[in-house]
Amino acid sequence: FGVMSIPTLVVIKNGQIVNQSVGAKPKNAI
């Protein structure tokens, strides 16, 4: 997934990455 920094959050739909974000996020952003 090319994760270089953590935390990294990834959303996968139907086997495909549809969203990705690096760093701590509040609940509403996640």
PDB file of all heavy atoms in Angstrom:
ATOM      1  N   PHE A   1       0.814  -1.215   0.000  1.00  0.00           N
ATOM      2  CA  PHE A   1       0.000   0.000   0.000  1.00  0.00           C
ATOM      3  C   PHE A   1       0.848   1.265   0.000  1.00  0.00           C
ATOM      4  O   PHE A   1       0.317   2.357   0.099  1.00  0.00           O
ATOM      5  CB  PHE A   1      -0.941  -0.001   1.210  1.00  0.00           C
ATOM      6  CG  PHE A   1      -2.126  -0.889   1.022  1.00  0.00           C
ATOM      7  CD1 PHE A   1      -2.056  -2.234   1.327  1.00  0.00           C
ATOM      8  CD2 PHE A   1      -3.309  -0.396   0.508  1.00  0.00           C
ATOM      9  CE1 PHE A   1      -3.136  -3.065   1.137  1.00  0.00           C
ATOM     10  CE2 PHE A   1      -4.401  -1.219   0.312  1.00  0.00           C
ATOM     11  CZ  PHE A   1      -4.310  -2.563   0.625  1.00  0.00           C
ATOM     12  N   GLY A   2       2.168   1.123  -0.087  1.00  0.00           N
ATOM     13  CA  GLY A   2       3.048   2.280  -0.116  1.00  0.00           C
ATOM     14  C   GLY A   2       3.018   3.078   1.177  1.00  0.00           C
ATOM     15  O   GLY A   2       3.201   4.293   1.165  1.00  0.00           O
ATOM     16  N   VAL A   3       2.787   2.386   2.300  1.00  0.00           N
ATOM     17  CA  VAL A   3       2.705   3.082   3.589  1.00  0.00           C
ATOM     18  C   VAL A   3       4.105   3.492   4.024  1.00  0.00           C
ATOM     19  O   VAL A   3       4.967   2.656   4.260  1.00  0.00           O
ATOM     20  CB  VAL A   3       2.041   2.173   4.656  1.00  0.00           C
ATOM     21  CG1 VAL A   3       2.103   2.824   6.018  1.00  0.00           C
ATOM     22  CG2 VAL A   3       0.605   1.870   4.261  1.00  0.00           C
ATOM     23  N   MET A   4       4.324   4.812   4.114  1.00  0.00           N
ATOM     24  CA  MET A   4       5.613   5.351   4.546  1.00  0.00           C
ATOM     25  C   MET A   4       5.514   5.974   5.935  1.00  0.00           C
ATOM     26  O   MET A   4       6.499   6.051   6.648  1.00  0.00           O
ATOM     27  CB  MET A   4       6.094   6.421   3.559  1.00  0.00           C
ATOM     28  CG  MET A   4       6.380   5.893   2.188  1.00  0.00           C
ATOM     29  SD  MET A   4       7.793   4.791   2.245  1.00  0.00           S
ATOM     30  CE  MET A   4       7.692   4.027   0.665  1.00  0.00           C
ATOM     31  N   SER A   5       4.329   6.460   6.283  1.00  0.00           N
ATOM     32  CA  SER A   5       4.088   7.078   7.582  1.00  0.00           C
ATOM     33  C   SER A   5       2.840   6.454   8.185  1.00  0.00           C
ATOM     34  O   SER A   5       1.925   6.065   7.465  1.00  0.00           O
ATOM     35  CB  SER A   5       3.859   8.582   7.432  1.00  0.00           C
ATOM     36  OG  SER A   5       4.988   9.198   6.872  1.00  0.00           O
ATOM     37  N   ILE A   6       2.824   6.395   9.508  1.00  0.00           N
ATOM     38  CA  ILE A   6       1.647   5.854  10.186  1.00  0.00           C
ATOM     39  C   ILE A   6       1.166   6.855  11.224  1.00  0.00           C
ATOM     40  O   ILE A   6       1.972   7.664  11.698  1.00  0.00           O
ATOM     41  CB  ILE A   6       1.935   4.476  10.824  1.00  0.00           C
ATOM     42  CG1 ILE A   6       3.185   4.534  11.705  1.00  0.00           C
ATOM     43  CG2 ILE A   6       2.036   3.394   9.783  1.00  0.00           C
ATOM     44  CD1 ILE A   6       3.474   3.262  12.461  1.00  0.00           C
ATOM     45  N   PRO A   7      -0.111   6.855  11.552  1.00  0.00           N
ATOM     46  CA  PRO A   7      -1.125   5.965  11.009  1.00  0.00           C
ATOM     47  C   PRO A   7      -1.515   6.335   9.577  1.00  0.00           C
ATOM     48  O   PRO A   7      -1.545   7.505   9.225  1.00  0.00           O
ATOM     49  CB  PRO A   7      -2.319   6.176  11.951  1.00  0.00           C
ATOM     50  CG  PRO A   7      -2.147   7.574  12.471  1.00  0.00           C
ATOM     51  CD  PRO A   7      -0.663   7.786  12.551  1.00  0.00           C
ATOM     52  N   THR A   8      -1.776   5.319   8.785  1.00  0.00           N
ATOM     53  CA  THR A   8      -2.345   5.498   7.454  1.00  0.00           C
ATOM     54  C   THR A   8      -3.685   4.779   7.440  1.00  0.00           C
ATOM     55  O   THR A   8      -3.768   3.618   7.832  1.00  0.00           O
ATOM     56  CB  THR A   8      -1.415   4.918   6.363  1.00  0.00           C
ATOM     57  OG1 THR A   8      -0.224   5.705   6.293  1.00  0.00           O
ATOM     58  CG2 THR A   8      -2.097   4.934   5.003  1.00  0.00           C
ATOM     59  N   LEU A   9      -4.718   5.491   7.010  1.00  0.00           N
ATOM     60  CA  LEU A   9      -6.054   4.908   6.892  1.00  0.00           C
ATOM     61  C   LEU A   9      -6.375   4.749   5.412  1.00  0.00           C
ATOM     62  O   LEU A   9      -6.152   5.677   4.629  1.00  0.00           O
ATOM     63  CB  LEU A   9      -7.090   5.812   7.560  1.00  0.00           C
ATOM     64  CG  LEU A   9      -6.899   6.010   9.064  1.00  0.00           C
ATOM     65  CD1 LEU A   9      -7.828   7.101   9.574  1.00  0.00           C
ATOM     66  CD2 LEU A   9      -7.144   4.724   9.816  1.00  0.00           C
ATOM     67  N   VAL A  10      -6.872   3.569   5.050  1.00  0.00           N
ATOM     68  CA  VAL A  10      -7.189   3.264   3.661  1.00  0.00           C
ATOM     69  C   VAL A  10      -8.618   2.725   3.597  1.00  0.00           C
ATOM     70  O   VAL A  10      -8.989   1.868   4.394  1.00  0.00           O
ATOM     71  CB  VAL A  10      -6.205   2.209   3.079  1.00  0.00           C
ATOM     72  CG1 VAL A  10      -6.560   1.864   1.641  1.00  0.00           C
ATOM     73  CG2 VAL A  10      -4.773   2.701   3.172  1.00  0.00           C
ATOM     74  N   VAL A  11      -9.397   3.231   2.637  1.00  0.00           N
ATOM     75  CA  VAL A  11     -10.745   2.710   2.409  1.00  0.00           C
ATOM     76  C   VAL A  11     -10.720   1.933   1.095  1.00  0.00           C
ATOM     77  O   VAL A  11     -10.275   2.453   0.067  1.00  0.00           O
ATOM     78  CB  VAL A  11     -11.788   3.841   2.339  1.00  0.00           C
ATOM     79  CG1 VAL A  11     -13.173   3.275   2.048  1.00  0.00           C
ATOM     80  CG2 VAL A  11     -11.804   4.642   3.637  1.00  0.00           C
ATOM     81  N   ILE A  12     -11.179   0.683   1.166  1.00  0.00           N
ATOM     82  CA  ILE A  12     -11.183  -0.196  -0.001  1.00  0.00           C
ATOM     83  C   ILE A  12     -12.609  -0.630  -0.291  1.00  0.00           C
ATOM     84  O   ILE A  12     -13.313  -1.089   0.609  1.00  0.00           O
ATOM     85  CB  ILE A  12     -10.286  -1.425   0.251  1.00  0.00           C
ATOM     86  CG1 ILE A  12      -8.849  -0.957   0.480  1.00  0.00           C
ATOM     87  CG2 ILE A  12     -10.381  -2.413  -0.907  1.00  0.00           C
ATOM     88  CD1 ILE A  12      -7.915  -2.039   0.932  1.00  0.00           C
ATOM     89  N   LYS A  13     -13.022  -0.444  -1.556  1.00  0.00           N
ATOM     90  CA  LYS A  13     -14.339  -0.908  -1.998  1.00  0.00           C
ATOM     91  C   LYS A  13     -14.128  -1.769  -3.231  1.00  0.00           C
ATOM     92  O   LYS A  13     -13.411  -1.375  -4.151  1.00  0.00           O
ATOM     93  CB  LYS A  13     -15.251   0.278  -2.356  1.00  0.00           C
ATOM     94  CG  LYS A  13     -15.676   1.087  -1.162  1.00  0.00           C
ATOM     95  CD  LYS A  13     -16.605   2.224  -1.555  1.00  0.00           C
ATOM     96  CE  LYS A  13     -16.937   3.082  -0.339  1.00  0.00           C
ATOM     97  NZ  LYS A  13     -17.650   4.301  -0.697  1.00  0.00           N
ATOM     98  N   ASN A  14     -14.752  -2.940  -3.234  1.00  0.00           N
ATOM     99  CA  ASN A  14     -14.635  -3.867  -4.361  1.00  0.00           C
ATOM    100  C   ASN A  14     -13.184  -4.149  -4.724  1.00  0.00           C
ATOM    101  O   ASN A  14     -12.825  -4.208  -5.892  1.00  0.00           O
ATOM    102  CB  ASN A  14     -15.397  -3.338  -5.577  1.00  0.00           C
ATOM    103  CG  ASN A  14     -16.858  -3.099  -5.262  1.00  0.00           C
ATOM    104  OD1 ASN A  14     -17.487  -3.916  -4.599  1.00  0.00           O
ATOM    105  ND2 ASN A  14     -17.387  -1.988  -5.707  1.00  0.00           N
ATOM    106  N   GLY A  15     -12.316  -4.262  -3.710  1.00  0.00           N
ATOM    107  CA  GLY A  15     -10.913  -4.590  -3.940  1.00  0.00           C
ATOM    108  C   GLY A  15     -10.055  -3.434  -4.409  1.00  0.00           C
ATOM    109  O   GLY A  15      -8.879  -3.617  -4.689  1.00  0.00           O
ATOM    110  N   GLN A  16     -10.635  -2.227  -4.505  1.00  0.00           N
ATOM    111  CA  GLN A  16      -9.896  -1.062  -5.003  1.00  0.00           C
ATOM    112  C   GLN A  16      -9.787   0.012  -3.919  1.00  0.00           C
ATOM    113  O   GLN A  16     -10.741   0.246  -3.181  1.00  0.00           O
ATOM    114  CB  GLN A  16     -10.610  -0.446  -6.214  1.00  0.00           C
ATOM    115  CG  GLN A  16     -10.791  -1.391  -7.379  1.00  0.00           C
ATOM    116  CD  GLN A  16      -9.485  -1.807  -8.012  1.00  0.00           C
ATOM    117  OE1 GLN A  16      -8.618  -0.985  -8.265  1.00  0.00           O
ATOM    118  NE2 GLN A  16      -9.323  -3.100  -8.256  1.00  0.00           N
ATOM    119  N   ILE A  17      -8.632   0.679  -3.858  1.00  0.00           N
ATOM    120  CA  ILE A  17      -8.467   1.790  -2.917  1.00  0.00           C
ATOM    121  C   ILE A  17      -9.290   2.968  -3.425  1.00  0.00           C
ATOM    122  O   ILE A  17      -9.125   3.402  -4.564  1.00  0.00           O
ATOM    123  CB  ILE A  17      -6.986   2.204  -2.797  1.00  0.00           C
ATOM    124  CG1 ILE A  17      -6.160   1.062  -2.214  1.00  0.00           C
ATOM    125  CG2 ILE A  17      -6.848   3.461  -1.940  1.00  0.00           C
ATOM    126  CD1 ILE A  17      -4.666   1.307  -2.226  1.00  0.00           C
ATOM    127  N   VAL A  18     -10.191   3.484  -2.582  1.00  0.00           N
ATOM    128  CA  VAL A  18     -11.006   4.629  -2.976  1.00  0.00           C
ATOM    129  C   VAL A  18     -10.663   5.866  -2.161  1.00  0.00           C
ATOM    130  O   VAL A  18     -11.025   6.977  -2.548  1.00  0.00           O
ATOM    131  CB  VAL A  18     -12.522   4.327  -2.863  1.00  0.00           C
ATOM    132  CG1 VAL A  18     -12.921   3.247  -3.859  1.00  0.00           C
ATOM    133  CG2 VAL A  18     -12.911   3.932  -1.462  1.00  0.00           C
ATOM    134  N   ASN A  19      -9.960   5.690  -1.045  1.00  0.00           N
ATOM    135  CA  ASN A  19      -9.569   6.837  -0.228  1.00  0.00           C
ATOM    136  C   ASN A  19      -8.388   6.433   0.631  1.00  0.00           C
ATOM    137  O   ASN A  19      -8.287   5.279   1.053  1.00  0.00           O
ATOM    138  CB  ASN A  19     -10.737   7.296   0.646  1.00  0.00           C
ATOM    139  CG  ASN A  19     -10.748   8.785   0.869  1.00  0.00           C
ATOM    140  OD1 ASN A  19      -9.710   9.429   0.830  1.00  0.00           O
ATOM    141  ND2 ASN A  19     -11.922   9.328   1.107  1.00  0.00           N
ATOM    142  N   GLN A  20      -7.505   7.399   0.905  1.00  0.00           N
ATOM    143  CA  GLN A  20      -6.328   7.124   1.734  1.00  0.00           C
ATOM    144  C   GLN A  20      -5.926   8.403   2.440  1.00  0.00           C
ATOM    145  O   GLN A  20      -6.032   9.486   1.869  1.00  0.00           O
ATOM    146  CB  GLN A  20      -5.188   6.611   0.846  1.00  0.00           C
ATOM    147  CG  GLN A  20      -4.031   6.058   1.613  1.00  0.00           C
ATOM    148  CD  GLN A  20      -3.110   5.209   0.729  1.00  0.00           C
ATOM    149  OE1 GLN A  20      -3.481   4.784  -0.360  1.00  0.00           O
ATOM    150  NE2 GLN A  20      -1.917   4.962   1.207  1.00  0.00           N
ATOM    151  N   SER A  21      -5.496   8.265   3.689  1.00  0.00           N
ATOM    152  CA  SER A  21      -5.141   9.435   4.473  1.00  0.00           C
ATOM    153  C   SER A  21      -4.023   9.065   5.441  1.00  0.00           C
ATOM    154  O   SER A  21      -3.990   7.958   5.971  1.00  0.00           O
ATOM    155  CB  SER A  21      -6.401   9.905   5.199  1.00  0.00           C
ATOM    156  OG  SER A  21      -6.118  10.453   6.431  1.00  0.00           O
ATOM    157  N   VAL A  22      -3.082   9.997   5.640  1.00  0.00           N
ATOM    158  CA  VAL A  22      -1.951   9.769   6.538  1.00  0.00           C
ATOM    159  C   VAL A  22      -2.056  10.726   7.721  1.00  0.00           C
ATOM    160  O   VAL A  22      -2.357  11.904   7.547  1.00  0.00           O
ATOM    161  CB  VAL A  22      -0.608   9.989   5.792  1.00  0.00           C
ATOM    162  CG1 VAL A  22       0.567   9.822   6.739  1.00  0.00           C
ATOM    163  CG2 VAL A  22      -0.489   9.043   4.615  1.00  0.00           C
ATOM    164  N   GLY A  23      -1.800  10.196   8.907  1.00  0.00           N
ATOM    165  CA  GLY A  23      -1.788  11.022  10.113  1.00  0.00           C
ATOM    166  C   GLY A  23      -3.049  10.838  10.934  1.00  0.00           C
ATOM    167  O   GLY A  23      -4.043  10.293  10.466  1.00  0.00           O
ATOM    168  N   ALA A  24      -2.962  11.277  12.186  1.00  0.00           N
ATOM    169  CA  ALA A  24      -4.103  11.174  13.092  1.00  0.00           C
ATOM    170  C   ALA A  24      -5.224  12.096  12.623  1.00  0.00           C
ATOM    171  O   ALA A  24      -4.982  13.218  12.194  1.00  0.00           O
ATOM    172  CB  ALA A  24      -3.677  11.543  14.513  1.00  0.00           C
ATOM    173  N   LYS A  25      -6.444  11.574  12.673  1.00  0.00           N
ATOM    174  CA  LYS A  25      -7.620  12.330  12.241  1.00  0.00           C
ATOM    175  C   LYS A  25      -8.702  12.200  13.305  1.00  0.00           C
ATOM    176  O   LYS A  25      -8.815  11.162  13.951  1.00  0.00           O
ATOM    177  CB  LYS A  25      -8.183  11.750  10.934  1.00  0.00           C
ATOM    178  CG  LYS A  25      -7.206  11.736   9.773  1.00  0.00           C
ATOM    179  CD  LYS A  25      -7.283  13.015   8.994  1.00  0.00           C
ATOM    180  CE  LYS A  25      -6.411  13.012   7.781  1.00  0.00           C
ATOM    181  NZ  LYS A  25      -5.019  13.274   7.996  1.00  0.00           N
ATOM    182  N   PRO A  26      -9.554  13.227  13.443  1.00  0.00           N
ATOM    183  CA  PRO A  26     -10.709  13.087  14.341  1.00  0.00           C
ATOM    184  C   PRO A  26     -11.745  12.165  13.711  1.00  0.00           C
ATOM    185  O   PRO A  26     -11.726  11.891  12.502  1.00  0.00           O
ATOM    186  CB  PRO A  26     -11.232  14.519  14.471  1.00  0.00           C
ATOM    187  CG  PRO A  26     -10.741  15.222  13.250  1.00  0.00           C
ATOM    188  CD  PRO A  26      -9.455  14.548  12.846  1.00  0.00           C
ATOM    189  N   LYS A  27     -12.672  11.704  14.530  1.00  0.00           N
ATOM    190  CA  LYS A  27     -13.664  10.736  14.090  1.00  0.00           C
ATOM    191  C   LYS A  27     -14.447  11.222  12.872  1.00  0.00           C
ATOM    192  O   LYS A  27     -14.650  10.478  11.924  1.00  0.00           O
ATOM    193  CB  LYS A  27     -14.613  10.419  15.245  1.00  0.00           C
ATOM    194  CG  LYS A  27     -15.640   9.368  14.904  1.00  0.00           C
ATOM    195  CD  LYS A  27     -16.509   9.038  16.110  1.00  0.00           C
ATOM    196  CE  LYS A  27     -17.549   8.010  15.775  1.00  0.00           C
ATOM    197  NZ  LYS A  27     -18.422   7.718  16.917  1.00  0.00           N
ATOM    198  N   ASN A  28     -14.889  12.493  12.886  1.00  0.00           N
ATOM    199  CA  ASN A  28     -15.698  12.989  11.758  1.00  0.00           C
ATOM    200  C   ASN A  28     -14.918  12.960  10.439  1.00  0.00           C
ATOM    201  O   ASN A  28     -15.476  12.710   9.386  1.00  0.00           O
ATOM    202  CB  ASN A  28     -16.285  14.372  12.053  1.00  0.00           C
ATOM    203  CG  ASN A  28     -15.234  15.443  12.282  1.00  0.00           C
ATOM    204  OD1 ASN A  28     -14.060  15.126  12.502  1.00  0.00           O
ATOM    205  ND2 ASN A  28     -15.634  16.681  12.264  1.00  0.00           N
ATOM    206  N   ALA A  29     -13.604  13.199  10.500  1.00  0.00           N
ATOM    207  CA  ALA A  29     -12.784  13.161   9.285  1.00  0.00           C
ATOM    208  C   ALA A  29     -12.638  11.726   8.775  1.00  0.00           C
ATOM    209  O   ALA A  29     -12.640  11.477   7.571  1.00  0.00           O
ATOM    210  CB  ALA A  29     -11.412  13.781   9.549  1.00  0.00           C
ATOM    211  N   ILE A  30     -12.522  10.776   9.699  1.00  0.00           N
ATOM    212  CA  ILE A  30     -12.416   9.365   9.300  1.00  0.00           C
ATOM    213  C   ILE A  30     -13.750   8.913   8.688  1.00  0.00           C
ATOM    214  O   ILE A  30     -13.770   8.267   7.651  1.00  0.00           O
ATOM    215  CB  ILE A  30     -12.030   8.481  10.502  1.00  0.00           C
ATOM    216  CG1 ILE A  30     -10.625   8.861  10.992  1.00  0.00           C
ATOM    217  CG2 ILE A  30     -12.086   7.002  10.117  1.00  0.00           C
ATOM    218  CD1 ILE A  30     -10.203   8.191  12.288  1.00  0.00           C
TER     219      ILE A  30
END
